[in-house]
């Protein structure tokens, strides 16, 4: 069972922000911004490649609720999901990062090697 499924099952604690029947939002333990929240479906889905449009529509509404809960809907935020090894996915359970609380930079591509990949 993956670590996010263990969080859903309350086998390990999380610093929960918001929870519904289908989704869970909690603070990232290694934040990259003043506000860094992870949003996951409670059902195990490996990545964005496997998510249904129906579930994604519901998750969008939940993410809107989360950003309102932490009061960053007006100041701005970034929503990111990583897919696969080259995309930086570290946990094999669909999750979205919500980053905010400061003016965010866009410097994370500095270590990428784009040659021969297009």
Protein backbone atom coordinates (compact mmCIF):
# COMPACT_ATOMS: atom_id res chain seq x y z
CA UNK A 1 0.00 0.00 0.00
CA UNK A 2 1.40 3.42 -0.95
CA UNK A 3 2.07 6.16 1.59
CA UNK A 4 -0.87 8.27 0.38
CA UNK A 5 -3.26 5.33 0.76
CA UNK A 6 -1.96 4.97 4.33
CA UNK A 7 -2.76 8.64 4.93
CA UNK A 8 -6.29 8.12 3.58
CA UNK A 9 -6.74 5.08 5.86
CA UNK A 10 -5.44 7.10 8.86
CA UNK A 11 -2.59 4.61 9.34
CA UNK A 12 -0.17 7.53 9.46
CA UNK A 13 -1.01 11.11 10.45
CA UNK A 14 -1.22 14.10 8.14
CA UNK A 15 -1.64 17.80 8.72
CA UNK A 16 -5.05 17.87 7.03
CA UNK A 17 -6.40 21.09 5.56
CA UNK A 18 -9.63 19.82 4.02
CA UNK A 19 -11.26 16.44 3.50
CA UNK A 20 -14.30 15.19 1.61
CA UNK A 21 -15.69 11.75 0.85
CA UNK A 22 -13.47 11.57 -2.26
CA UNK A 23 -10.41 13.78 -1.62
CA UNK A 24 -7.85 14.74 0.99
CA UNK A 25 -5.73 17.92 1.17
CA UNK A 26 -2.77 18.19 3.54
CA UNK A 27 0.44 20.14 4.05
CA UNK A 28 3.51 18.81 2.21
CA UNK A 29 6.18 17.65 4.69
CA UNK A 30 8.91 19.18 2.49
CA UNK A 31 7.40 22.52 1.42
CA UNK A 32 8.75 24.40 -1.61
CA UNK A 33 6.70 27.56 -0.89
CA UNK A 34 5.11 29.21 2.16
CA UNK A 35 1.92 27.37 1.21
CA UNK A 36 2.52 23.87 -0.17
CA UNK A 37 -0.46 21.55 -0.06
CA UNK A 38 -0.96 18.13 -1.63
CA UNK A 39 -4.40 17.12 -2.90
CA UNK A 40 -5.10 13.43 -3.51
CA UNK A 41 -8.08 11.30 -4.44
CA UNK A 42 -8.92 8.80 -1.71
CA UNK A 43 -9.09 6.02 -4.27
CA UNK A 44 -5.69 4.88 -5.53
CA UNK A 45 -4.93 6.15 -9.03
CA UNK A 46 -1.32 5.81 -10.20
CA UNK A 47 -1.01 9.13 -12.05
CA UNK A 48 -2.74 11.78 -14.12
CA UNK A 49 -2.56 9.36 -17.09
CA UNK A 50 -5.18 7.16 -15.41
CA UNK A 51 -7.60 9.72 -13.95
CA UNK A 52 -11.10 9.93 -15.45
CA UNK A 53 -12.49 13.26 -16.64
CA UNK A 54 -15.40 12.81 -14.22
CA UNK A 55 -13.12 12.47 -11.19
CA UNK A 56 -10.92 15.31 -12.42
CA UNK A 57 -13.97 17.61 -12.60
CA UNK A 58 -14.78 16.84 -8.97
CA UNK A 59 -11.14 17.28 -7.97
CA UNK A 60 -11.08 20.70 -9.63
CA UNK A 61 -13.96 21.83 -7.42
CA UNK A 62 -12.18 20.42 -4.36
CA UNK A 63 -8.95 22.27 -5.26
CA UNK A 64 -10.97 25.50 -5.55
CA UNK A 65 -12.29 24.86 -2.04
CA UNK A 66 -8.77 24.23 -0.72
CA UNK A 67 -7.32 27.50 -2.07
CA UNK A 68 -10.26 29.38 -0.56
CA UNK A 69 -9.71 27.60 2.77
CA UNK A 70 -6.06 28.75 2.91
CA UNK A 71 -6.94 32.17 1.47
CA UNK A 72 -4.67 32.22 -1.61
CA UNK A 73 -7.39 32.33 -4.28
CA UNK A 74 -6.89 36.08 -4.83
CA UNK A 75 -3.11 36.40 -4.33
CA UNK A 76 -2.38 33.54 -6.72
CA UNK A 77 -1.08 30.00 -6.69
CA UNK A 78 0.30 27.23 -8.86
CA UNK A 79 -1.21 23.74 -9.35
CA UNK A 80 1.21 21.04 -10.48
CA UNK A 81 1.05 17.31 -11.02
CA UNK A 82 4.11 15.27 -11.93
CA UNK A 83 3.73 12.21 -14.15
CA UNK A 84 6.32 9.45 -14.31
CA UNK A 85 10.02 9.43 -13.55
CA UNK A 86 11.03 12.14 -16.04
CA UNK A 87 8.15 14.29 -14.81
CA UNK A 88 9.42 14.08 -11.24
CA UNK A 89 6.67 11.89 -9.78
CA UNK A 90 8.01 10.48 -6.51
CA UNK A 91 4.85 8.82 -5.14
CA UNK A 92 2.85 6.49 -7.40
CA UNK A 93 -0.52 7.95 -6.39
CA UNK A 94 -2.12 10.85 -8.26
CA UNK A 95 -1.50 14.07 -6.38
CA UNK A 96 -1.56 17.77 -7.11
CA UNK A 97 0.77 20.28 -5.50
CA UNK A 98 -0.78 23.65 -4.64
CA UNK A 99 1.97 26.24 -4.16
CA UNK A 100 1.38 29.81 -3.04
CA UNK A 101 1.86 32.36 -0.32
CA UNK A 102 4.66 34.19 -2.18
CA UNK A 103 5.67 35.31 -5.65
CA UNK A 104 6.75 32.02 -7.23
CA UNK A 105 9.79 31.72 -9.47
CA UNK A 106 10.10 29.44 -12.48
CA UNK A 107 13.63 28.06 -12.13
CA UNK A 108 13.10 24.33 -11.76
CA UNK A 109 14.08 23.55 -15.36
CA UNK A 110 17.68 24.60 -14.84
CA UNK A 111 18.85 20.97 -14.55
CA UNK A 112 16.91 19.66 -17.55
CA UNK A 113 18.68 18.61 -20.75
CA UNK A 114 16.34 19.42 -23.66
CA UNK A 115 18.72 18.26 -26.42
CA UNK A 116 17.43 15.34 -28.43
CA UNK A 117 14.03 15.23 -26.73
CA UNK A 118 11.94 17.06 -29.31
